[in-house]
Protein backbone atom coordinates (compact mmCIF):
# COMPACT_ATOMS: atom_id res chain seq x y z
CA MET A 1 0.00 0.00 0.00
CA ARG A 2 1.30 3.45 -0.90
CA SER A 3 2.08 5.65 2.08
CA PHE A 4 0.13 8.84 2.80
CA LEU A 5 3.36 10.76 2.16
CA SER A 6 3.80 9.33 -1.34
CA ILE A 7 0.16 10.09 -2.21
CA ALA A 8 0.50 13.64 -0.90
CA THR A 9 3.71 14.09 -2.87
CA ALA A 10 1.97 12.89 -6.03
CA LEU A 11 -0.93 15.26 -5.46
CA LEU A 12 1.41 18.18 -4.87
CA GLY A 13 3.22 17.26 -8.08
CA ALA A 14 -0.07 17.26 -9.99
CA VAL A 15 -0.99 20.65 -8.56
CA ALA A 16 2.44 22.01 -9.47
CA PHE A 17 2.07 20.63 -13.00
CA ALA A 18 -1.40 22.18 -13.36
CA SER A 19 -0.10 25.51 -12.06
CA ALA A 20 2.78 25.41 -14.52
CA ALA A 21 0.36 24.61 -17.34
CA ASP A 22 -1.85 27.55 -16.31
CA ALA A 23 1.19 29.79 -16.15
CA GLU A 24 2.09 28.90 -19.74
CA SER A 25 -1.48 29.20 -20.96
CA ASP A 26 -2.84 32.24 -22.80
CA VAL A 27 -6.24 31.52 -21.23
CA HIS A 28 -6.63 33.41 -17.96
CA SER A 29 -8.07 31.41 -15.03
CA LEU A 30 -10.32 33.68 -12.97
CA THR A 31 -12.11 33.44 -9.63
CA LYS A 32 -14.78 35.55 -7.94
CA ASP A 33 -11.98 37.66 -6.46
CA THR A 34 -10.33 38.43 -9.81
CA PHE A 35 -13.17 38.26 -12.34
CA SER A 36 -14.67 41.73 -11.89
CA ASP A 37 -11.37 43.61 -12.05
CA PHE A 38 -10.25 41.65 -15.11
CA ILE A 39 -13.47 42.38 -17.02
CA LYS A 40 -13.26 46.08 -16.12
CA GLY A 41 -9.67 46.20 -17.32
CA HIS A 42 -10.35 44.79 -20.80
CA ASP A 43 -12.57 46.16 -23.55
CA LEU A 44 -13.52 42.75 -24.91
CA VAL A 45 -13.40 39.36 -23.17
CA LEU A 46 -14.59 35.87 -24.07
CA ALA A 47 -15.29 33.82 -20.94
CA GLU A 48 -15.73 30.07 -20.68
CA PHE A 49 -17.64 28.74 -17.67
CA PHE A 50 -16.72 25.07 -17.33
CA ALA A 51 -16.53 22.01 -15.10
CA PRO A 52 -13.38 19.84 -15.00
CA TRP A 53 -15.38 16.61 -15.44
CA CYS A 54 -17.30 17.89 -18.50
CA GLY A 55 -16.44 15.98 -21.70
CA HIS A 56 -17.47 18.86 -23.98
CA CYS A 57 -15.23 21.19 -21.95
CA LYS A 58 -12.29 18.84 -22.40
CA ALA A 59 -12.92 18.74 -26.14
CA LEU A 60 -13.08 22.54 -26.27
CA ALA A 61 -9.89 23.09 -24.22
CA PRO A 62 -7.25 22.78 -27.01
CA GLU A 63 -9.40 24.80 -29.45
CA TYR A 64 -9.91 27.50 -26.82
CA GLU A 65 -6.18 27.57 -26.07
CA THR A 66 -5.29 27.95 -29.76
CA ALA A 67 -7.80 30.77 -30.15
CA ALA A 68 -6.45 32.51 -27.05
CA THR A 69 -2.93 32.48 -28.46
CA GLU A 70 -4.06 33.89 -31.81
CA LEU A 71 -6.26 36.57 -30.26
CA LYS A 72 -3.64 37.61 -27.71
CA GLU A 73 -1.86 39.55 -30.45
CA LYS A 74 -5.06 41.51 -31.08
CA ASN A 75 -5.53 42.28 -27.38
CA ILE A 76 -8.65 40.12 -27.11
CA ALA A 77 -8.60 38.15 -23.87
CA LEU A 78 -9.96 34.64 -23.33
CA VAL A 79 -10.68 33.56 -19.76
CA LYS A 80 -12.12 30.53 -17.99
CA VAL A 81 -13.99 30.00 -14.73
CA ASP A 82 -14.22 26.64 -12.94
CA CYS A 83 -17.87 26.47 -11.86
CA THR A 84 -17.22 23.63 -9.42
CA ALA A 85 -15.04 26.03 -7.44
CA GLU A 86 -16.85 29.29 -8.26
CA ALA A 87 -20.52 28.29 -8.03
CA GLU A 88 -21.74 31.74 -6.94
CA LEU A 89 -20.00 33.52 -9.82
CA CYS A 90 -21.40 31.08 -12.36
CA LYS A 91 -24.89 31.40 -10.90
CA GLU A 92 -24.63 35.19 -11.12
CA TYR A 93 -24.15 34.92 -14.89
CA GLY A 94 -26.91 32.38 -15.41
CA VAL A 95 -24.73 29.39 -16.22
CA GLU A 96 -26.92 26.28 -16.52
CA GLY A 97 -24.72 23.93 -18.54
CA TYR A 98 -21.11 23.35 -19.53
CA PRO A 99 -19.32 24.77 -21.29
CA THR A 100 -21.09 28.15 -21.41
CA LEU A 101 -19.34 30.87 -23.43
CA LYS A 102 -20.16 34.54 -22.92
CA ILE A 103 -18.82 37.76 -24.42
CA PHE A 104 -18.16 40.66 -22.05
CA ARG A 105 -17.86 44.34 -22.91
CA GLY A 106 -17.68 45.44 -19.30
CA GLU A 107 -19.76 43.83 -16.55
CA ASP A 108 -23.12 45.12 -17.76
CA ASN A 109 -22.81 44.29 -21.47
CA VAL A 110 -22.89 40.51 -21.69
CA LYS A 111 -24.16 38.26 -24.47
CA PRO A 112 -23.81 34.55 -25.26
CA TYR A 113 -21.30 33.35 -27.83
CA PRO A 114 -23.36 31.77 -30.63
CA GLY A 115 -20.68 30.30 -32.87
CA ALA A 116 -18.98 26.95 -33.30
CA ARG A 117 -16.54 25.73 -30.66
CA LYS A 118 -13.52 25.52 -32.94
CA SER A 119 -10.48 27.78 -32.82
CA GLY A 120 -11.11 29.21 -36.29
CA ALA A 121 -14.71 30.10 -35.51
CA LEU A 122 -13.75 31.57 -32.12
CA VAL A 123 -11.04 33.75 -33.65
CA SER A 124 -13.20 34.88 -36.56
CA TYR A 125 -16.14 35.80 -34.36
CA MET A 126 -14.12 37.67 -31.75
CA ILE A 127 -12.24 39.68 -34.41
CA LYS A 128 -15.61 40.79 -35.79
CA GLN A 129 -16.64 41.81 -32.29
CA SER A 130 -13.47 43.83 -31.80
CA LEU A 131 -13.93 45.94 -34.92
CA PRO A 132 -16.61 48.52 -35.71
CA ALA A 133 -19.59 47.35 -37.78
CA VAL A 134 -17.92 49.01 -40.78
CA SER A 135 -14.16 49.49 -40.77
CA PRO A 136 -12.60 52.29 -42.84
CA VAL A 137 -10.63 50.88 -45.77
CA THR A 138 -7.84 52.74 -47.55
CA GLU A 139 -5.28 51.98 -50.22
CA ALA A 140 -2.77 51.37 -47.43
CA ASN A 141 -4.75 48.82 -45.41
CA LEU A 142 -6.98 47.13 -48.02
CA GLU A 143 -4.79 44.08 -48.65
CA GLU A 144 -4.36 43.47 -44.92
CA PHE A 145 -8.11 43.92 -44.34
CA LYS A 146 -8.90 41.28 -46.96
CA THR A 147 -6.95 38.68 -44.95
CA LEU A 148 -8.64 39.30 -41.58
CA ASP A 149 -11.27 36.62 -42.21
CA LYS A 150 -12.29 33.97 -44.71
CA ILE A 151 -14.99 36.30 -45.99
CA VAL A 152 -14.65 40.09 -46.08
CA ILE A 153 -17.18 42.51 -47.58
CA VAL A 154 -16.15 45.98 -48.76
CA GLY A 155 -18.49 48.70 -49.95
CA TYR A 156 -17.00 51.08 -52.52
CA ILE A 157 -19.49 53.90 -52.03
CA PRO A 158 -19.05 57.65 -52.58
CA SER A 159 -19.54 59.75 -49.45
CA ASP A 160 -22.32 61.76 -51.12
CA SER A 161 -24.41 58.60 -51.78
CA LYS A 162 -26.21 58.98 -48.46
CA LYS A 163 -29.02 56.50 -49.06
CA VAL A 164 -26.65 53.78 -50.27
CA ASN A 165 -24.34 54.36 -47.29
CA GLU A 166 -27.28 54.17 -44.90
CA VAL A 167 -28.40 50.83 -46.35
CA PHE A 168 -24.86 49.41 -46.28
CA ASN A 169 -24.17 50.58 -42.71
CA SER A 170 -27.51 49.27 -41.46
CA LEU A 171 -26.90 45.88 -43.05
CA ALA A 172 -23.37 45.74 -41.63
CA GLU A 173 -24.68 46.46 -38.13
CA SER A 174 -27.29 43.69 -38.33
CA GLU A 175 -24.85 41.15 -39.80
CA ARG A 176 -21.69 42.06 -37.88
CA ASP A 177 -21.73 38.75 -36.01
CA ASN A 178 -21.58 36.87 -39.31
CA PHE A 179 -19.42 38.95 -41.63
CA LEU A 180 -16.60 41.48 -41.59
CA PHE A 181 -17.52 44.77 -43.31
CA GLY A 182 -15.34 47.60 -44.59
CA ALA A 183 -15.99 50.69 -46.70
CA SER A 184 -14.06 53.10 -48.91
CA ASP A 185 -15.27 56.28 -50.60
CA ASP A 186 -12.03 56.65 -52.56
CA ALA A 187 -12.69 56.37 -56.30
CA ALA A 188 -9.02 55.52 -56.91
CA VAL A 189 -9.23 52.47 -54.60
CA ALA A 190 -12.41 51.31 -56.36
CA LYS A 191 -10.72 51.71 -59.74
CA ALA A 192 -7.73 49.72 -58.57
CA GLU A 193 -10.14 46.92 -57.61
CA GLU A 194 -11.73 47.19 -61.06
CA VAL A 195 -15.19 48.14 -59.80
CA GLU A 196 -17.46 51.12 -60.35
CA GLN A 197 -18.92 53.19 -57.53
CA PRO A 198 -21.22 52.35 -55.89
CA SER A 199 -20.65 48.61 -55.67
CA ILE A 200 -19.99 45.92 -53.09
CA VAL A 201 -17.21 43.35 -53.30
CA LEU A 202 -17.11 40.09 -51.33
CA TYR A 203 -13.57 38.73 -50.92
CA LYS A 204 -13.18 35.06 -49.97
CA ASP A 205 -10.39 32.53 -49.66
CA PHE A 206 -12.14 29.90 -51.83
CA ASP A 207 -13.70 29.41 -55.28
CA GLU A 208 -13.35 32.52 -57.48
CA LYS A 209 -11.90 34.56 -54.56
CA LYS A 210 -13.97 37.63 -55.40
CA ALA A 211 -17.63 38.41 -56.15
CA VAL A 212 -19.02 41.80 -57.18
CA TYR A 213 -22.56 43.03 -56.43
CA THR A 214 -24.13 45.62 -58.70
CA GLY A 215 -27.82 44.96 -58.08
CA PRO A 216 -30.42 47.14 -56.33
CA PHE A 217 -29.19 48.73 -53.12
CA ASP A 218 -31.71 47.42 -50.61
CA SER A 219 -30.85 45.30 -47.57
CA GLU A 220 -32.89 42.25 -48.60
CA SER A 221 -31.34 41.97 -52.05
CA ILE A 222 -27.79 42.55 -50.79
CA LEU A 223 -28.15 40.02 -47.97
CA ALA A 224 -29.53 37.38 -50.35
CA TRP A 225 -26.50 37.93 -52.59
CA ILE A 226 -24.07 37.77 -49.66
CA THR A 227 -25.63 34.50 -48.48
CA THR A 228 -25.13 32.94 -51.90
CA ALA A 229 -21.71 34.44 -52.68
CA SER A 230 -20.28 33.48 -49.27
CA THR A 231 -21.24 29.81 -49.63
CA PRO A 232 -18.68 27.56 -51.37
CA LEU A 233 -19.84 26.04 -54.64
CA VAL A 234 -19.22 22.61 -53.13
CA GLY A 235 -18.58 23.02 -49.42
CA GLU A 236 -18.38 20.51 -46.59
CA VAL A 237 -21.01 19.86 -43.94
CA GLY A 238 -19.62 19.78 -40.42
CA PRO A 239 -20.17 21.24 -36.94
CA GLU A 240 -19.04 24.71 -38.08
CA THR A 241 -21.13 24.85 -41.25
CA TYR A 242 -24.30 22.84 -40.59
CA ALA A 243 -26.29 25.67 -38.98
CA LYS A 244 -25.49 28.06 -41.83
CA TYR A 245 -26.67 25.53 -44.42
CA MET A 246 -29.89 24.96 -42.47
CA LYS A 247 -30.57 28.70 -42.32
CA ALA A 248 -29.73 29.38 -45.97
CA GLY A 249 -33.36 29.13 -47.04
CA ILE A 250 -32.65 26.74 -49.94
CA PRO A 251 -32.27 22.93 -50.18
CA LEU A 252 -29.00 21.22 -49.29
CA ALA A 253 -27.58 18.31 -51.28
CA TYR A 254 -25.32 15.94 -49.30
CA ILE A 255 -22.59 13.82 -50.83
CA PHE A 256 -21.57 11.19 -48.24
CA ALA A 257 -18.05 9.85 -48.77
CA GLU A 258 -15.65 8.08 -46.42
CA THR A 259 -12.24 9.42 -47.45
CA PRO A 260 -10.87 12.94 -48.04
CA GLU A 261 -9.77 11.83 -51.52
CA GLU A 262 -13.31 10.73 -52.40
CA ARG A 263 -14.81 13.97 -51.09
CA GLU A 264 -12.29 16.04 -53.02
CA GLN A 265 -13.02 14.11 -56.21
CA PHE A 266 -16.79 14.50 -55.81
CA ALA A 267 -16.38 18.21 -55.07
CA GLU A 268 -14.50 18.69 -58.34
CA GLU A 269 -17.00 16.64 -60.36
CA PHE A 270 -20.02 18.47 -58.92
CA ARG A 271 -18.61 22.00 -59.21
CA PRO A 272 -20.20 22.71 -62.64
CA ILE A 273 -23.57 21.46 -61.34
CA ALA A 274 -23.25 23.66 -58.25
CA GLU A 275 -22.45 26.65 -60.47
CA GLN A 276 -25.48 25.91 -62.64
CA HIS A 277 -27.85 25.83 -59.66
CA ARG A 278 -26.16 28.45 -57.52
CA GLY A 279 -28.66 30.27 -55.30
CA LYS A 280 -31.25 27.51 -55.75
CA ILE A 281 -29.53 24.63 -53.96
CA ASN A 282 -26.34 24.18 -51.95
CA ILE A 283 -24.15 21.14 -52.60
CA ALA A 284 -21.73 19.86 -49.97
CA THR A 285 -19.71 16.77 -49.14
CA ILE A 286 -19.90 15.16 -45.70
CA ASP A 287 -17.50 12.82 -43.90
CA ALA A 288 -19.36 9.49 -43.86
CA LYS A 289 -17.02 8.00 -41.27
CA ALA A 290 -17.58 10.81 -38.77
CA PHE A 291 -21.18 11.74 -39.57
CA GLY A 292 -22.53 8.71 -41.41
CA ALA A 293 -25.35 8.27 -38.89
CA HIS A 294 -26.90 11.45 -40.30
CA ALA A 295 -27.64 9.50 -43.47
CA GLY A 296 -30.39 7.71 -41.56
CA ASN A 297 -32.07 11.07 -40.90
CA LEU A 298 -32.23 11.55 -44.68
CA ASN A 299 -33.86 8.14 -45.18
CA LEU A 300 -30.65 6.61 -46.52
CA ASP A 301 -29.11 3.33 -45.37
CA PRO A 302 -26.24 4.53 -43.12
CA SER A 303 -24.17 1.45 -43.92
CA ILE A 304 -23.87 2.06 -47.67
CA PHE A 305 -21.49 4.75 -48.93
CA PRO A 306 -20.95 6.81 -50.99
CA ALA A 307 -24.51 8.11 -50.90
CA PHE A 308 -26.47 11.17 -51.98
CA ALA A 309 -29.58 12.93 -50.69
CA ILE A 310 -31.29 16.30 -50.84
CA GLN A 311 -32.91 17.94 -47.83
CA ASP A 312 -35.18 20.99 -47.89
CA PRO A 313 -35.01 22.43 -44.35
CA GLU A 314 -37.77 24.95 -45.07
CA LYS A 315 -40.30 22.24 -45.99
CA ASN A 316 -38.62 19.47 -43.96
CA THR A 317 -38.65 17.18 -47.01
CA LYS A 318 -36.04 14.61 -48.04
CA PHE A 319 -35.07 13.14 -51.40
CA PRO A 320 -32.61 10.22 -51.08
CA TRP A 321 -30.85 8.93 -54.21
CA ASP A 322 -31.35 5.24 -54.95
CA GLN A 323 -28.41 3.57 -53.20
CA THR A 324 -28.30 0.74 -55.69
CA LYS A 325 -27.10 3.29 -58.26
CA ASP A 326 -23.64 4.86 -58.55
CA ILE A 327 -23.00 8.51 -57.69
CA LYS A 328 -22.39 10.03 -61.11
CA ALA A 329 -22.47 13.78 -61.63
CA LYS A 330 -24.54 13.71 -64.84
CA GLU A 331 -27.34 11.53 -63.40
CA ILE A 332 -27.30 13.37 -60.06
CA GLY A 333 -27.48 16.68 -61.93
CA GLU A 334 -30.68 15.53 -63.64
CA PHE A 335 -32.05 14.32 -60.30
CA ILE A 336 -31.32 17.72 -58.71
CA GLN A 337 -33.15 19.48 -61.55
CA ASP A 338 -36.16 17.18 -61.18
CA VAL A 339 -36.30 17.82 -57.43
CA LEU A 340 -36.13 21.59 -57.96
CA ASP A 341 -38.87 21.31 -60.60
CA GLY A 342 -41.13 19.40 -58.21
CA LYS A 343 -41.06 16.24 -60.29
CA VAL A 344 -39.83 14.00 -57.44
CA SER A 345 -42.04 13.05 -54.51
CA PRO A 346 -40.34 13.42 -51.13
CA SER A 347 -39.40 10.31 -49.18
CA ILE A 348 -41.47 9.83 -46.05
CA LYS A 349 -40.26 7.60 -43.23
CA SER A 350 -43.22 6.16 -41.39
CA GLU A 351 -44.11 3.40 -38.98
CA PRO A 352 -46.88 1.07 -40.19
CA ILE A 353 -50.39 2.47 -39.78
CA PRO A 354 -51.92 0.83 -36.67
CA GLU A 355 -54.70 -1.61 -37.62
CA THR A 356 -56.62 -0.52 -34.53
CA GLN A 357 -56.11 2.21 -31.92
CA GLU A 358 -55.51 0.49 -28.61
CA GLY A 359 -55.75 2.62 -25.52
CA PRO A 360 -56.97 6.19 -25.02
CA VAL A 361 -53.93 7.88 -26.62
CA THR A 362 -54.26 8.01 -30.41
CA VAL A 363 -51.09 6.77 -32.12
CA VAL A 364 -50.11 8.93 -35.09
CA VAL A 365 -47.56 7.91 -37.74
CA ALA A 366 -46.21 9.90 -40.68
CA HIS A 367 -48.74 8.39 -43.09
CA THR A 368 -51.68 9.36 -40.84
CA TYR A 369 -50.36 12.74 -39.67
CA GLN A 370 -52.33 14.71 -42.26
CA GLU A 371 -55.56 12.83 -41.59
CA LEU A 372 -55.47 12.62 -37.79
CA VAL A 373 -53.84 15.96 -36.99
CA ILE A 374 -54.10 18.47 -39.83
CA ASP A 375 -57.44 17.50 -41.45
CA SER A 376 -59.18 16.67 -38.16
CA ASP A 377 -61.98 19.04 -37.07
CA LYS A 378 -61.02 18.41 -33.45
CA ASP A 379 -58.52 20.14 -31.19
CA VAL A 380 -55.52 17.77 -31.30
CA LEU A 381 -52.95 17.62 -28.51
CA LEU A 382 -49.90 15.86 -29.95
CA GLU A 383 -46.85 14.64 -28.04
CA PHE A 384 -43.65 14.23 -30.03
CA TYR A 385 -41.60 11.65 -28.13
CA ALA A 386 -38.56 9.40 -28.39
CA PRO A 387 -38.64 5.81 -27.05
CA TRP A 388 -35.37 6.31 -25.17
CA CYS A 389 -36.44 9.60 -23.55
CA GLY A 390 -36.70 9.36 -19.75
CA HIS A 391 -38.93 12.43 -19.46
CA CYS A 392 -41.30 10.89 -22.03
CA LYS A 393 -41.50 7.69 -19.97
CA ALA A 394 -42.27 9.71 -16.83
CA LEU A 395 -45.03 11.58 -18.66
CA ALA A 396 -46.64 8.44 -20.13
CA PRO A 397 -49.03 7.47 -17.26
CA LYS A 398 -50.20 11.07 -16.84
CA TYR A 399 -50.72 11.41 -20.59
CA GLU A 400 -52.73 8.15 -20.59
CA GLN A 401 -54.92 9.47 -17.76
CA LEU A 402 -55.44 12.75 -19.61
CA ALA A 403 -56.44 10.92 -22.79
CA SER A 404 -58.87 8.70 -20.86
CA ILE A 405 -60.77 11.73 -19.54
CA TYR A 406 -61.54 12.84 -23.12
CA ALA A 407 -61.90 9.40 -24.74
CA GLU A 408 -64.43 8.12 -22.16
CA ASN A 409 -66.74 11.15 -22.46
CA PRO A 410 -68.58 11.11 -25.83
CA GLU A 411 -69.05 14.89 -25.81
CA TYR A 412 -65.34 15.49 -25.21
CA ALA A 413 -64.25 12.74 -27.63
CA SER A 414 -66.07 14.47 -30.50
CA LYS A 415 -64.05 17.64 -29.95
CA VAL A 416 -60.61 16.65 -28.58
CA THR A 417 -57.98 14.07 -29.53
CA VAL A 418 -55.00 13.34 -27.31
CA ALA A 419 -52.31 11.77 -29.49
CA LYS A 420 -48.61 10.89 -29.71
CA ILE A 421 -46.04 10.26 -32.43
CA ASP A 422 -42.59 8.68 -32.27
CA ALA A 423 -40.53 11.51 -33.77
CA THR A 424 -37.51 9.22 -34.25
CA ALA A 425 -39.39 6.72 -36.44
CA ASN A 426 -41.57 9.09 -38.44
CA ASP A 427 -40.89 12.10 -40.65
CA ILE A 428 -42.79 15.11 -39.35
CA PRO A 429 -43.16 18.61 -40.79
CA ASP A 430 -42.64 20.29 -37.43
CA ALA A 431 -39.23 21.32 -36.09
CA ILE A 432 -38.67 19.55 -32.78
CA GLN A 433 -35.85 20.72 -30.48
CA GLY A 434 -36.22 18.20 -27.66
CA PHE A 435 -38.37 15.48 -26.12
CA PRO A 436 -41.07 15.43 -25.13
CA THR A 437 -42.48 18.31 -27.17
CA ILE A 438 -46.23 18.84 -26.82
CA LYS A 439 -48.24 20.94 -29.27
CA LEU A 440 -51.91 21.76 -29.59
CA TYR A 441 -53.37 21.97 -33.10
CA PRO A 442 -56.60 23.95 -32.70
CA ALA A 443 -59.48 23.06 -35.00
CA GLY A 444 -59.62 25.43 -37.95
CA SER A 445 -56.08 26.76 -37.53
CA LYS A 446 -53.79 23.74 -37.85
CA ASP A 447 -51.10 25.85 -39.50
CA ALA A 448 -50.52 27.64 -36.19
CA PRO A 449 -49.94 24.99 -33.50
CA VAL A 450 -49.33 26.19 -29.96
CA GLU A 451 -46.39 24.61 -28.11
CA TYR A 452 -46.96 23.70 -24.46
CA SER A 453 -44.39 24.96 -21.96
CA GLY A 454 -46.15 24.48 -18.59
CA SER A 455 -45.80 21.84 -15.92
CA ARG A 456 -46.66 18.34 -17.09
CA THR A 457 -49.63 17.66 -14.82
CA VAL A 458 -52.95 16.30 -16.03
CA GLU A 459 -54.76 19.38 -14.73
CA ASP A 460 -52.45 21.87 -16.43
CA LEU A 461 -52.54 20.02 -19.74
CA ALA A 462 -56.35 19.99 -19.63
CA GLU A 463 -56.36 23.71 -18.86
CA PHE A 464 -54.08 24.24 -21.87
CA ILE A 465 -56.53 22.36 -24.13
CA LYS A 466 -59.39 24.44 -22.75
CA THR A 467 -57.76 27.86 -23.16
CA LYS A 468 -55.91 27.29 -26.44
CA GLY A 469 -58.33 24.98 -28.25
CA LYS A 470 -61.09 26.22 -30.54
CA HIS A 471 -63.76 24.11 -28.84
CA GLN A 472 -62.66 25.23 -25.33
CA VAL A 473 -63.57 21.86 -23.82
CA ASP A 474 -63.45 22.13 -20.02
CA ALA A 475 -62.41 18.80 -18.54
CA VAL A 476 -60.58 20.30 -15.57
CA SER A 477 -63.50 19.81 -13.15
CA ASP A 478 -63.87 16.17 -14.28
CA ILE A 479 -60.20 15.55 -13.59
CA ALA A 480 -60.47 17.09 -10.12
CA LYS A 481 -63.53 14.92 -9.38
CA SER A 482 -61.73 11.83 -10.68
CA ASN A 483 -58.74 12.58 -8.47
CA GLU A 484 -60.94 13.06 -5.40
CA GLU A 485 -62.75 9.77 -6.02
CA ALA A 486 -59.47 7.95 -6.56
CA ALA A 487 -58.02 9.45 -3.37
CA ALA A 488 -61.12 8.55 -1.36
CA SER A 489 -61.16 5.01 -2.70
CA SER A 490 -57.48 4.56 -1.95
CA ALA A 491 -57.85 5.99 1.54
CA ALA A 492 -60.80 3.68 2.27
CA ALA A 493 -58.91 0.65 1.05
CA SER A 494 -55.88 1.61 3.15
CA SER A 495 -58.05 2.16 6.22
CA ALA A 496 -59.80 -1.20 5.80
CA SER A 497 -56.48 -2.95 5.34
CA ALA A 498 -55.02 -1.27 8.41
CA SER A 499 -58.10 -2.13 10.54
CA ALA A 500 -57.94 -5.75 9.48
CA SER A 501 -54.25 -5.90 10.32
CA ALA A 502 -54.86 -4.26 13.68
CA SER A 503 -57.69 -6.70 14.55
CA ALA A 504 -55.57 -9.70 13.63
CA SER A 505 -52.65 -8.32 15.64
CA SER A 506 -54.84 -7.61 18.68
CA ALA A 507 -56.31 -11.10 18.62
CA ALA A 508 -52.88 -12.67 18.40
CA GLU A 509 -51.52 -10.49 21.20
CA ALA A 510 -54.55 -11.23 23.41
CA ALA A 511 -54.02 -14.92 22.93
CA ALA A 512 -50.35 -14.55 23.72
CA ALA A 513 -51.18 -12.48 26.80
CA SER A 514 -53.56 -15.13 28.09
CA GLU A 515 -50.83 -17.67 27.71
CA THR A 516 -48.16 -15.56 29.41
CA GLY A 517 -50.42 -13.73 31.87
CA SER A 518 -49.25 -10.30 30.65
CA ALA A 519 -51.38 -7.44 29.27
CA ALA A 520 -51.39 -6.90 25.51
CA PRO A 521 -49.96 -3.55 24.31
CA GLU A 522 -52.20 -1.17 22.28
CA ALA A 523 -52.10 -1.71 18.55
CA THR A 524 -50.70 1.25 16.51
CA GLU A 525 -52.09 1.97 13.02
CA GLU A 526 -49.63 2.85 10.28
CA ALA A 527 -50.46 5.90 8.20
CA ALA A 528 -51.61 5.19 4.66
CA PRO A 529 -48.92 6.10 2.09
CA GLU A 530 -49.42 9.36 0.22
CA HIS A 531 -50.50 9.17 -3.42
CA ASP A 532 -47.97 10.11 -6.07
CA GLU A 533 -48.68 13.57 -7.42
CA LEU A 534 -50.37 13.46 -10.83
């Protein structure tokens, strides 16, 4: 057995090593005693609130360190706070999970960091935060400005074009978290860049390197152009790019391939097709070894690669390519055109339609969603669940009780349906962020479902159906009556059981007392257990 001294020595060595590592780090470790002064002493700070045991925090650590080193030269500080040691400080800033990243401009100006947790994304975002919404660009600093980020947007606008400048500055302010903006009113600089005033140039480190906008100067048109011009012809789907593709407002075509060489080859082959359909569909490769499971979400077999599928995030529709066929650019190009022309029916993943509805909760599948939810003239309360979800399992008996109240009353049953759908086994048109998600589809306005956010009690769910449903069915009093009857019945049964036990015990003790000549003690009745809260 190791001695206490050797263990203590080892621990001291670990502490010394950690201290040395912190000393060499460009990430500042702060406590409640140092945090406030540090924030006050720096114009811009990115803070990570973490826990040492957190796996996501461990994964972030090297990326965060790299970003801190790069941003140190630009006087942008990165700090970290151990929430297991500084619980009060973390609570003060509303930390509820790890890691939590927040941007500080003084103690009173705090906002969450919304970007990807990779060094490149951290550096890019924080540089944008450190600069004004529109940076002045001159002949002397233009080339340097172009290299500050992967995408840089410069407006070449004369100073007397007030309306154009107002539109450009307003757009830059609203999009400053996403893009780096600069402006020059120097006609000579514009001429050197081979553009006329006014115009906007988007510089990028991929594809054609430079795109010029000469369309109408309104924010909507310019932003639509920026969105298209800033997206690679054939990009790559990953943690840093997925959200942007989903928010692009156009379909995304995935090319699943297992090796970098395959992805590079497909990217080259599909470039002309991407150019042809630019602005109508995005095309991107995806690492099938790292993210192959996502193929299942697109109704592909996740064990067969390479593979191809199109997803329309706006309509939540999917168009998988037949996996018995090869991935050839010409045939895929025709398939893409047919999808865009509406000639291909979307693939719908659905469980089999139940032959009969067993139990009070109506089971909905993808193939019955339109009929049972959208076309129904009832108010439909629908739970989106996952079989593995613990919260869904906890809700199940309450949801069954709720459904019974409506199903067993003919008047209620004609106006309200309580239903559920396995959101992991069925394609659904609704965007679901977590499980369980409960939505009410009021009769006559199915296109505007109301998501439930209250406590998951039978009474509160019934109140939700009453207040948000078109038919305003009031089952709350029935539920209260049912609960009272159940409580009374349970209490009576417990009382009878306790009395019987007491009588039997008294008789036995009396008999024993007669045998031993001693008096029997008084019997004590155990309290009936409390009912679980519904």
